[in-house]
PDB file of N, CA and C in Angstrom:
ATOM      1  N   MET A   1     -36.197 -73.074 182.549  1.00  0.00           N
ATOM      2  CA  MET A   1     -34.683 -73.419 183.758  1.00  0.00           C
ATOM      3  C   MET A   1     -34.098 -73.292 184.771  1.00  0.00           C
ATOM      4  N   ALA A   2     -33.707 -73.876 185.751  1.00  0.00           N
ATOM      5  CA  ALA A   2     -34.227 -74.064 187.291  1.00  0.00           C
ATOM      6  C   ALA A   2     -33.302 -73.902 187.865  1.00  0.00           C
ATOM      7  N   ARG A   3     -33.307 -72.273 188.585  1.00  0.00           N
ATOM      8  CA  ARG A   3     -32.032 -71.489 189.339  1.00  0.00           C
ATOM      9  C   ARG A   3     -31.354 -72.826 190.321  1.00  0.00           C
ATOM     10  N   ASP A   4     -30.358 -72.103 190.825  1.00  0.00           N
ATOM     11  CA  ASP A   4     -29.364 -72.743 191.312  1.00  0.00           C
ATOM     12  C   ASP A   4     -29.817 -72.159 193.669  1.00  0.00           C
ATOM     13  N   ILE A   5     -30.595 -73.111 193.969  1.00  0.00           N
ATOM     14  CA  ILE A   5     -31.441 -72.951 195.498  1.00  0.00           C
ATOM     15  C   ILE A   5     -29.940 -72.269 196.314  1.00  0.00           C
ATOM     16  N   GLN A   6     -29.770 -71.531 197.357  1.00  0.00           N
ATOM     17  CA  GLN A   6     -28.570 -71.360 198.256  1.00  0.00           C
ATOM     18  C   GLN A   6     -28.839 -69.987 199.347  1.00  0.00           C
ATOM     19  N   PRO A   7     -29.210 -71.175 199.935  1.00  0.00           N
ATOM     20  CA  PRO A   7     -29.670 -70.530 201.759  1.00  0.00           C
ATOM     21  C   PRO A   7     -28.389 -68.384 201.732  1.00  0.00           C
ATOM     22  N   CYS A   8     -29.203 -67.480 202.411  1.00  0.00           N
ATOM     23  CA  CYS A   8     -28.809 -66.571 201.738  1.00  0.00           C
ATOM     24  C   CYS A   8     -28.585 -65.717 203.070  1.00  0.00           C
ATOM     25  N   VAL A   9     -28.593 -64.829 203.951  1.00  0.00           N
ATOM     26  CA  VAL A   9     -29.147 -64.009 204.784  1.00  0.00           C
ATOM     27  C   VAL A   9     -29.137 -62.425 203.861  1.00  0.00           C
ATOM     28  N   TYR A  10     -30.481 -61.786 204.287  1.00  0.00           N
ATOM     29  CA  TYR A  10     -30.181 -60.107 203.245  1.00  0.00           C
ATOM     30  C   TYR A  10     -30.097 -59.598 204.452  1.00  0.00           C
ATOM     31  N   ILE A  11     -30.522 -58.216 204.412  1.00  0.00           N
ATOM     32  CA  ILE A  11     -31.648 -56.955 204.919  1.00  0.00           C
ATOM     33  C   ILE A  11     -31.856 -56.607 203.731  1.00  0.00           C
ATOM     34  N   MET A  12     -32.765 -55.879 204.054  1.00  0.00           N
ATOM     35  CA  MET A  12     -33.332 -54.971 203.410  1.00  0.00           C
ATOM     36  C   MET A  12     -33.917 -53.739 203.882  1.00  0.00           C
ATOM     37  N   ALA A  13     -34.290 -52.161 203.321  1.00  0.00           N
ATOM     38  CA  ALA A  13     -34.784 -51.773 203.652  1.00  0.00           C
ATOM     39  C   ALA A  13     -35.552 -50.530 202.985  1.00  0.00           C
ATOM     40  N   ASN A  14     -36.212 -49.853 203.408  1.00  0.00           N
ATOM     41  CA  ASN A  14     -36.921 -48.778 203.223  1.00  0.00           C
ATOM     42  C   ASN A  14     -36.192 -47.610 202.355  1.00  0.00           C
ATOM     43  N   ARG A  15     -35.109 -46.881 203.174  1.00  0.00           N
ATOM     44  CA  ARG A  15     -34.747 -46.638 202.003  1.00  0.00           C
ATOM     45  C   ARG A  15     -33.079 -46.549 202.880  1.00  0.00           C
ATOM     46  N   LYS A  16     -31.981 -44.724 202.620  1.00  0.00           N
ATOM     47  CA  LYS A  16     -30.794 -44.781 202.987  1.00  0.00           C
ATOM     48  C   LYS A  16     -31.207 -44.276 203.946  1.00  0.00           C
ATOM     49  N   ASN A  17     -30.446 -44.989 205.364  1.00  0.00           N
ATOM     50  CA  ASN A  17     -30.551 -45.009 206.993  1.00  0.00           C
ATOM     51  C   ASN A  17     -32.328 -45.136 207.308  1.00  0.00           C
ATOM     52  N   GLY A  18     -32.494 -46.188 206.814  1.00  0.00           N
ATOM     53  CA  GLY A  18     -33.927 -45.506 207.074  1.00  0.00           C
ATOM     54  C   GLY A  18     -34.188 -47.375 207.974  1.00  0.00           C
ATOM     55  N   THR A  19     -35.771 -47.738 208.020  1.00  0.00           N
ATOM     56  CA  THR A  19     -35.754 -48.831 208.230  1.00  0.00           C
ATOM     57  C   THR A  19     -35.131 -50.338 208.035  1.00  0.00           C
ATOM     58  N   ILE A  20     -34.451 -51.205 209.109  1.00  0.00           N
ATOM     59  CA  ILE A  20     -34.137 -52.421 208.224  1.00  0.00           C
ATOM     60  C   ILE A  20     -34.867 -53.039 208.718  1.00  0.00           C
ATOM     61  N   TYR A  21     -34.646 -54.645 208.020  1.00  0.00           N
ATOM     62  CA  TYR A  21     -35.165 -56.101 208.492  1.00  0.00           C
ATOM     63  C   TYR A  21     -33.912 -56.984 207.285  1.00  0.00           C
ATOM     64  N   VAL A  22     -33.343 -58.284 208.348  1.00  0.00           N
ATOM     65  CA  VAL A  22     -32.549 -59.240 209.244  1.00  0.00           C
ATOM     66  C   VAL A  22     -33.571 -60.231 207.684  1.00  0.00           C
ATOM     67  N   GLY A  23     -33.258 -61.296 206.738  1.00  0.00           N
ATOM     68  CA  GLY A  23     -33.905 -62.272 206.698  1.00  0.00           C
ATOM     69  C   GLY A  23     -33.238 -63.556 206.607  1.00  0.00           C
ATOM     70  N   VAL A  24     -33.633 -64.355 206.110  1.00  0.00           N
ATOM     71  CA  VAL A  24     -33.331 -65.408 206.192  1.00  0.00           C
ATOM     72  C   VAL A  24     -33.473 -66.104 204.655  1.00  0.00           C
ATOM     73  N   THR A  25     -33.073 -67.288 203.720  1.00  0.00           N
ATOM     74  CA  THR A  25     -33.926 -67.287 203.009  1.00  0.00           C
ATOM     75  C   THR A  25     -33.302 -68.406 201.865  1.00  0.00           C
ATOM     76  N   SER A  26     -33.668 -69.135 201.575  1.00  0.00           N
ATOM     77  CA  SER A  26     -33.557 -70.411 200.544  1.00  0.00           C
ATOM     78  C   SER A  26     -33.493 -70.136 198.425  1.00  0.00           C
ATOM     79  N   ASP A  27     -34.189 -68.336 198.581  1.00  0.00           N
ATOM     80  CA  ASP A  27     -34.112 -68.424 197.102  1.00  0.00           C
ATOM     81  C   ASP A  27     -34.278 -67.060 197.549  1.00  0.00           C
ATOM     82  N   ILE A  28     -32.957 -66.440 197.209  1.00  0.00           N
ATOM     83  CA  ILE A  28     -32.509 -64.562 197.546  1.00  0.00           C
ATOM     84  C   ILE A  28     -33.734 -64.482 196.469  1.00  0.00           C
ATOM     85  N   ALA A  29     -33.503 -64.187 195.247  1.00  0.00           N
ATOM     86  CA  ALA A  29     -34.277 -63.724 193.729  1.00  0.00           C
ATOM     87  C   ALA A  29     -35.856 -64.277 194.013  1.00  0.00           C
ATOM     88  N   GLN A  30     -36.975 -64.944 194.989  1.00  0.00           N
ATOM     89  CA  GLN A  30     -37.482 -65.025 194.806  1.00  0.00           C
ATOM     90  C   GLN A  30     -38.031 -63.912 195.787  1.00  0.00           C
ATOM     91  N   ARG A  31     -37.302 -64.196 197.065  1.00  0.00           N
ATOM     92  CA  ARG A  31     -37.842 -63.552 198.491  1.00  0.00           C
ATOM     93  C   ARG A  31     -38.152 -62.084 198.201  1.00  0.00           C
ATOM     94  N   GLY A  32     -36.562 -61.686 197.997  1.00  0.00           N
ATOM     95  CA  GLY A  32     -36.566 -60.377 197.291  1.00  0.00           C
ATOM     96  C   GLY A  32     -38.168 -59.504 197.174  1.00  0.00           C
ATOM     97  N   TRP A  33     -38.422 -60.831 195.546  1.00  0.00           N
ATOM     98  CA  TRP A  33     -39.094 -60.190 194.209  1.00  0.00           C
ATOM     99  C   TRP A  33     -40.828 -59.879 195.072  1.00  0.00           C
ATOM    100  N   GLN A  34     -40.477 -61.201 196.225  1.00  0.00           N
ATOM    101  CA  GLN A  34     -42.042 -61.105 197.488  1.00  0.00           C
ATOM    102  C   GLN A  34     -42.021 -59.450 198.114  1.00  0.00           C
ATOM    103  N   HIS A  35     -40.530 -59.202 198.903  1.00  0.00           N
ATOM    104  CA  HIS A  35     -40.483 -57.962 199.630  1.00  0.00           C
ATOM    105  C   HIS A  35     -41.537 -56.993 198.169  1.00  0.00           C
ATOM    106  N   ARG A  36     -40.974 -57.048 197.267  1.00  0.00           N
ATOM    107  CA  ARG A  36     -40.498 -56.269 196.587  1.00  0.00           C
ATOM    108  C   ARG A  36     -42.162 -55.985 195.825  1.00  0.00           C
ATOM    109  N   GLN A  37     -42.640 -56.924 196.012  1.00  0.00           N
ATOM    110  CA  GLN A  37     -44.950 -56.820 195.699  1.00  0.00           C
ATOM    111  C   GLN A  37     -45.466 -56.411 196.933  1.00  0.00           C
ATOM    112  N   GLY A  38     -44.545 -56.754 197.879  1.00  0.00           N
ATOM    113  CA  GLY A  38     -45.453 -56.202 198.846  1.00  0.00           C
ATOM    114  C   GLY A  38     -46.104 -57.328 199.111  1.00  0.00           C
ATOM    115  N   LEU A  39     -45.823 -59.220 199.013  1.00  0.00           N
ATOM    116  CA  LEU A  39     -46.425 -60.105 199.183  1.00  0.00           C
ATOM    117  C   LEU A  39     -45.517 -61.054 200.140  1.00  0.00           C
ATOM    118  N   VAL A  40     -45.209 -59.787 201.557  1.00  0.00           N
ATOM    119  CA  VAL A  40     -44.787 -60.490 202.749  1.00  0.00           C
ATOM    120  C   VAL A  40     -45.137 -60.205 203.541  1.00  0.00           C
ATOM    121  N   ASP A  41     -46.414 -60.428 204.465  1.00  0.00           N
ATOM    122  CA  ASP A  41     -46.932 -59.839 205.784  1.00  0.00           C
ATOM    123  C   ASP A  41     -45.521 -59.457 206.992  1.00  0.00           C
ATOM    124  N   GLY A  42     -46.459 -58.327 206.853  1.00  0.00           N
ATOM    125  CA  GLY A  42     -45.604 -58.432 208.764  1.00  0.00           C
ATOM    126  C   GLY A  42     -44.790 -57.194 208.777  1.00  0.00           C
ATOM    127  N   PHE A  43     -44.041 -57.107 209.297  1.00  0.00           N
ATOM    128  CA  PHE A  43     -43.095 -55.900 209.570  1.00  0.00           C
ATOM    129  C   PHE A  43     -42.237 -55.429 207.666  1.00  0.00           C
ATOM    130  N   THR A  44     -41.965 -55.980 206.497  1.00  0.00           N
ATOM    131  CA  THR A  44     -41.568 -55.874 205.457  1.00  0.00           C
ATOM    132  C   THR A  44     -41.893 -54.686 204.666  1.00  0.00           C
ATOM    133  N   ARG A  45     -43.586 -55.365 204.982  1.00  0.00           N
ATOM    134  CA  ARG A  45     -44.587 -54.361 203.823  1.00  0.00           C
ATOM    135  C   ARG A  45     -45.225 -53.271 205.202  1.00  0.00           C
ATOM    136  N   GLN A  46     -44.908 -53.857 205.841  1.00  0.00           N
ATOM    137  CA  GLN A  46     -45.868 -52.510 207.218  1.00  0.00           C
ATOM    138  C   GLN A  46     -44.288 -50.619 206.751  1.00  0.00           C
ATOM    139  N   TYR A  47     -43.810 -51.164 206.676  1.00  0.00           N
ATOM    140  CA  TYR A  47     -42.547 -50.332 207.379  1.00  0.00           C
ATOM    141  C   TYR A  47     -42.446 -50.278 205.609  1.00  0.00           C
ATOM    142  N   CYS A  48     -42.540 -50.604 204.430  1.00  0.00           N
ATOM    143  CA  CYS A  48     -41.514 -50.439 202.593  1.00  0.00           C
ATOM    144  C   CYS A  48     -40.608 -50.964 202.525  1.00  0.00           C
ATOM    145  N   CYS A  49     -40.140 -52.250 203.046  1.00  0.00           N
ATOM    146  CA  CYS A  49     -38.765 -52.633 202.877  1.00  0.00           C
ATOM    147  C   CYS A  49     -38.654 -53.033 201.842  1.00  0.00           C
ATOM    148  N   LYS A  50     -38.232 -52.652 200.691  1.00  0.00           N
ATOM    149  CA  LYS A  50     -38.348 -52.833 199.324  1.00  0.00           C
ATOM    150  C   LYS A  50     -36.995 -53.585 198.337  1.00  0.00           C
ATOM    151  N   THR A  51     -35.885 -52.588 199.842  1.00  0.00           N
ATOM    152  CA  THR A  51     -34.573 -52.906 198.762  1.00  0.00           C
ATOM    153  C   THR A  51     -33.364 -53.475 199.437  1.00  0.00           C
ATOM    154  N   LEU A  52     -33.364 -54.311 198.401  1.00  0.00           N
ATOM    155  CA  LEU A  52     -31.912 -55.212 199.060  1.00  0.00           C
ATOM    156  C   LEU A  52     -31.423 -54.701 199.197  1.00  0.00           C
ATOM    157  N   VAL A  53     -30.380 -54.083 200.308  1.00  0.00           N
ATOM    158  CA  VAL A  53     -29.084 -53.948 199.878  1.00  0.00           C
ATOM    159  C   VAL A  53     -28.175 -54.215 200.606  1.00  0.00           C
ATOM    160  N   TRP A  54     -27.562 -55.681 201.119  1.00  0.00           N
ATOM    161  CA  TRP A  54     -26.798 -56.990 201.934  1.00  0.00           C
ATOM    162  C   TRP A  54     -27.225 -57.384 201.142  1.00  0.00           C
ATOM    163  N   TYR A  55     -26.435 -58.350 200.756  1.00  0.00           N
ATOM    164  CA  TYR A  55     -27.095 -60.313 201.144  1.00  0.00           C
ATOM    165  C   TYR A  55     -25.664 -61.478 201.272  1.00  0.00           C
ATOM    166  N   GLU A  56     -25.435 -62.416 202.393  1.00  0.00           N
ATOM    167  CA  GLU A  56     -24.577 -63.118 202.204  1.00  0.00           C
ATOM    168  C   GLU A  56     -24.854 -64.356 202.337  1.00  0.00           C
ATOM    169  N   LEU A  57     -24.796 -65.295 201.349  1.00  0.00           N
ATOM    170  CA  LEU A  57     -24.477 -66.588 200.654  1.00  0.00           C
ATOM    171  C   LEU A  57     -24.453 -67.392 201.519  1.00  0.00           C
ATOM    172  N   HIS A  58     -24.334 -68.795 201.800  1.00  0.00           N
ATOM    173  CA  HIS A  58     -23.943 -69.281 202.657  1.00  0.00           C
ATOM    174  C   HIS A  58     -24.326 -70.706 202.089  1.00  0.00           C
ATOM    175  N   PRO A  59     -23.192 -71.988 202.803  1.00  0.00           N
ATOM    176  CA  PRO A  59     -22.576 -73.055 202.652  1.00  0.00           C
ATOM    177  C   PRO A  59     -24.066 -74.008 202.903  1.00  0.00           C
ATOM    178  N   THR A  60     -24.892 -73.721 203.788  1.00  0.00           N
ATOM    179  CA  THR A  60     -26.265 -74.533 204.192  1.00  0.00           C
ATOM    180  C   THR A  60     -26.712 -73.699 204.765  1.00  0.00           C
ATOM    181  N   MET A  61     -28.050 -74.001 205.096  1.00  0.00           N
ATOM    182  CA  MET A  61     -29.327 -73.357 206.003  1.00  0.00           C
ATOM    183  C   MET A  61     -29.369 -73.137 207.436  1.00  0.00           C
ATOM    184  N   GLU A  62     -27.895 -73.964 207.562  1.00  0.00           N
ATOM    185  CA  GLU A  62     -28.281 -73.782 208.699  1.00  0.00           C
ATOM    186  C   GLU A  62     -27.344 -72.630 209.205  1.00  0.00           C
ATOM    187  N   SER A  63     -26.122 -72.924 208.734  1.00  0.00           N
ATOM    188  CA  SER A  63     -25.121 -71.800 208.962  1.00  0.00           C
ATOM    189  C   SER A  63     -25.995 -70.237 208.398  1.00  0.00           C
ATOM    190  N   ALA A  64     -26.965 -70.014 207.583  1.00  0.00           N
ATOM    191  CA  ALA A  64     -27.549 -68.664 207.524  1.00  0.00           C
ATOM    192  C   ALA A  64     -27.854 -69.277 208.291  1.00  0.00           C
ATOM    193  N   ILE A  65     -29.001 -69.901 209.556  1.00  0.00           N
ATOM    194  CA  ILE A  65     -30.334 -69.357 210.184  1.00  0.00           C
ATOM    195  C   ILE A  65     -29.133 -68.552 211.048  1.00  0.00           C
ATOM    196  N   LEU A  66     -28.478 -69.342 211.550  1.00  0.00           N
ATOM    197  CA  LEU A  66     -26.877 -69.185 213.278  1.00  0.00           C
ATOM    198  C   LEU A  66     -26.503 -67.231 212.793  1.00  0.00           C
ATOM    199  N   ARG A  67     -26.429 -67.225 211.436  1.00  0.00           N
ATOM    200  CA  ARG A  67     -26.168 -66.126 210.817  1.00  0.00           C
ATOM    201  C   ARG A  67     -27.549 -64.948 211.548  1.00  0.00           C
ATOM    202  N   GLU A  68     -27.861 -64.801 210.348  1.00  0.00           N
ATOM    203  CA  GLU A  68     -28.930 -64.281 210.409  1.00  0.00           C
ATOM    204  C   GLU A  68     -29.379 -63.996 212.318  1.00  0.00           C
ATOM    205  N   LYS A  69     -29.166 -64.955 212.733  1.00  0.00           N
ATOM    206  CA  LYS A  69     -29.989 -65.159 214.418  1.00  0.00           C
ATOM    207  C   LYS A  69     -28.401 -64.172 214.777  1.00  0.00           C
ATOM    208  N   GLN A  70     -27.189 -64.661 214.326  1.00  0.00           N
ATOM    209  CA  GLN A  70     -26.204 -62.957 215.325  1.00  0.00           C
ATOM    210  C   GLN A  70     -26.184 -61.603 215.505  1.00  0.00           C
ATOM    211  N   LEU A  71     -26.929 -62.147 213.450  1.00  0.00           N
ATOM    212  CA  LEU A  71     -27.880 -60.009 213.432  1.00  0.00           C
ATOM    213  C   LEU A  71     -28.241 -59.507 213.319  1.00  0.00           C
ATOM    214  N   LYS A  72     -28.634 -60.083 214.060  1.00  0.00           N
ATOM    215  CA  LYS A  72     -30.918 -59.915 214.853  1.00  0.00           C
ATOM    216  C   LYS A  72     -30.390 -59.256 215.807  1.00  0.00           C
ATOM    217  N   ALA A  73     -29.843 -60.586 216.336  1.00  0.00           N
ATOM    218  CA  ALA A  73     -29.070 -60.500 218.186  1.00  0.00           C
ATOM    219  C   ALA A  73     -27.945 -59.092 217.994  1.00  0.00           C
ATOM    220  N   GLY A  74     -27.235 -58.342 216.849  1.00  0.00           N
ATOM    221  CA  GLY A  74     -26.106 -56.942 217.521  1.00  0.00           C
ATOM    222  C   GLY A  74     -26.904 -55.687 216.911  1.00  0.00           C
ATOM    223  N   SER A  75     -26.332 -55.427 217.544  1.00  0.00           N
ATOM    224  CA  SER A  75     -27.479 -53.663 217.598  1.00  0.00           C
ATOM    225  C   SER A  75     -27.810 -53.208 216.157  1.00  0.00           C
ATOM    226  N   ARG A  76     -27.845 -51.878 215.507  1.00  0.00           N
ATOM    227  CA  ARG A  76     -28.617 -51.555 214.415  1.00  0.00           C
ATOM    228  C   ARG A  76     -27.165 -50.933 213.730  1.00  0.00           C
ATOM    229  N   LYS A  77     -26.429 -51.137 214.519  1.00  0.00           N
ATOM    230  CA  LYS A  77     -24.240 -49.955 214.139  1.00  0.00           C
ATOM    231  C   LYS A  77     -23.823 -51.127 213.113  1.00  0.00           C
ATOM    232  N   LYS A  78     -24.152 -52.059 214.337  1.00  0.00           N
ATOM    233  CA  LYS A  78     -23.143 -53.120 213.308  1.00  0.00           C
ATOM    234  C   LYS A  78     -24.663 -53.576 212.203  1.00  0.00           C
ATOM    235  N   LYS A  79     -25.180 -53.528 211.786  1.00  0.00           N
ATOM    236  CA  LYS A  79     -25.956 -53.880 210.755  1.00  0.00           C
ATOM    237  C   LYS A  79     -25.509 -52.526 209.655  1.00  0.00           C
ATOM    238  N   ILE A  80     -26.119 -51.141 209.835  1.00  0.00           N
ATOM    239  CA  ILE A  80     -25.759 -51.016 208.975  1.00  0.00           C
ATOM    240  C   ILE A  80     -24.032 -50.263 208.531  1.00  0.00           C
ATOM    241  N   ALA A  81     -22.860 -50.827 209.302  1.00  0.00           N
ATOM    242  CA  ALA A  81     -22.208 -51.152 209.328  1.00  0.00           C
ATOM    243  C   ALA A  81     -21.105 -51.915 207.882  1.00  0.00           C
ATOM    244  N   LEU A  82     -22.020 -53.356 208.284  1.00  0.00           N
ATOM    245  CA  LEU A  82     -21.984 -54.655 207.051  1.00  0.00           C
ATOM    246  C   LEU A  82     -22.746 -53.497 205.806  1.00  0.00           C
ATOM    247  N   ILE A  83     -23.811 -52.909 205.903  1.00  0.00           N
ATOM    248  CA  ILE A  83     -24.620 -52.059 204.445  1.00  0.00           C
ATOM    249  C   ILE A  83     -23.246 -51.817 204.196  1.00  0.00           C
ATOM    250  N   VAL A  84     -22.672 -50.754 204.610  1.00  0.00           N
ATOM    251  CA  VAL A  84     -22.523 -49.889 204.327  1.00  0.00           C
ATOM    252  C   VAL A  84     -20.318 -50.003 204.033  1.00  0.00           C
ATOM    253  N   GLU A  85     -20.190 -50.994 204.682  1.00  0.00           N
ATOM    254  CA  GLU A  85     -18.767 -51.484 204.208  1.00  0.00           C
ATOM    255  C   GLU A  85     -19.124 -52.056 202.040  1.00  0.00           C
ATOM    256  N   ARG A  86     -20.363 -52.629 201.884  1.00  0.00           N
ATOM    257  CA  ARG A  86     -20.447 -53.647 201.210  1.00  0.00           C
ATOM    258  C   ARG A  86     -21.187 -52.409 199.918  1.00  0.00           C
ATOM    259  N   ASN A  87     -21.647 -51.703 200.633  1.00  0.00           N
ATOM    260  CA  ASN A  87     -23.007 -50.886 199.654  1.00  0.00           C
ATOM    261  C   ASN A  87     -23.534 -49.783 200.259  1.00  0.00           C
ATOM    262  N   PRO A  88     -21.760 -48.671 199.749  1.00  0.00           N
ATOM    263  CA  PRO A  88     -21.878 -46.856 200.618  1.00  0.00           C
ATOM    264  C   PRO A  88     -22.991 -46.529 200.170  1.00  0.00           C
ATOM    265  N   ASP A  89     -23.555 -46.681 199.320  1.00  0.00           N
ATOM    266  CA  ASP A  89     -24.274 -45.478 198.661  1.00  0.00           C
ATOM    267  C   ASP A  89     -26.027 -46.255 198.641  1.00  0.00           C
ATOM    268  N   TRP A  90     -26.509 -47.731 200.089  1.00  0.00           N
ATOM    269  CA  TRP A  90     -27.362 -48.208 199.199  1.00  0.00           C
ATOM    270  C   TRP A  90     -28.429 -48.900 197.605  1.00  0.00           C
ATOM    271  N   ARG A  91     -27.575 -49.149 197.367  1.00  0.00           N
ATOM    272  CA  ARG A  91     -27.336 -49.403 195.912  1.00  0.00           C
ATOM    273  C   ARG A  91     -29.249 -50.815 195.926  1.00  0.00           C
ATOM    274  N   ASP A  92     -29.645 -50.554 195.315  1.00  0.00           N
ATOM    275  CA  ASP A  92     -30.576 -51.482 195.431  1.00  0.00           C
ATOM    276  C   ASP A  92     -29.620 -52.909 194.960  1.00  0.00           C
ATOM    277  N   LEU A  93     -29.867 -54.000 195.446  1.00  0.00           N
ATOM    278  CA  LEU A  93     -28.649 -55.162 195.271  1.00  0.00           C
ATOM    279  C   LEU A  93     -30.074 -56.478 194.271  1.00  0.00           C
ATOM    280  N   TYR A  94     -31.123 -56.146 194.411  1.00  0.00           N
ATOM    281  CA  TYR A  94     -32.264 -57.453 193.513  1.00  0.00           C
ATOM    282  C   TYR A  94     -31.624 -57.614 192.375  1.00  0.00           C
ATOM    283  N   ALA A  95     -30.806 -56.714 191.773  1.00  0.00           N
ATOM    284  CA  ALA A  95     -30.629 -56.856 190.479  1.00  0.00           C
ATOM    285  C   ALA A  95     -29.473 -58.235 189.797  1.00  0.00           C
ATOM    286  N   GLU A  96     -27.971 -58.123 191.342  1.00  0.00           N
ATOM    287  CA  GLU A  96     -27.592 -59.327 191.472  1.00  0.00           C
ATOM    288  C   GLU A  96     -27.577 -60.198 191.848  1.00  0.00           C
ATOM    289  N   VAL A  97     -28.822 -60.301 192.327  1.00  0.00           N
ATOM    290  CA  VAL A  97     -29.583 -61.686 192.473  1.00  0.00           C
ATOM    291  C   VAL A  97     -30.505 -62.782 191.378  1.00  0.00           C
ATOM    292  N   ILE A  98     -30.494 -61.615 190.825  1.00  0.00           N
ATOM    293  CA  ILE A  98     -32.013 -62.474 189.926  1.00  0.00           C
ATOM    294  C   ILE A  98     -30.816 -62.734 188.019  1.00  0.00           C
ATOM    295  N   ALA A  99     -29.553 -61.964 187.926  1.00  0.00           N
ATOM    296  CA  ALA A  99     -28.957 -62.405 186.847  1.00  0.00           C
ATOM    297  C   ALA A  99     -28.802 -63.975 186.862  1.00  0.00           C
TER     298      ALA A  99
END
């Protein structure tokens, strides 16, 4: 059965208030799995960012990329505020995206 693919901006973390990573994808379930398995070379594997703590769906990849750039250009404080607003306990939201 095919999953619906939808552009998404997401934040992965290694622990509450720890290292965070902002990314964009067209398949958050697959990308989240890749991060969790350590299959994504670079920053997220180096810092063990395996917990999906925030995500935002977008109607187009263009809007998702613009939002990713906006978040990456913003401060860490603003990124943490986004996470805490939706997910104050920094729960792993991966189960939501694979349901």
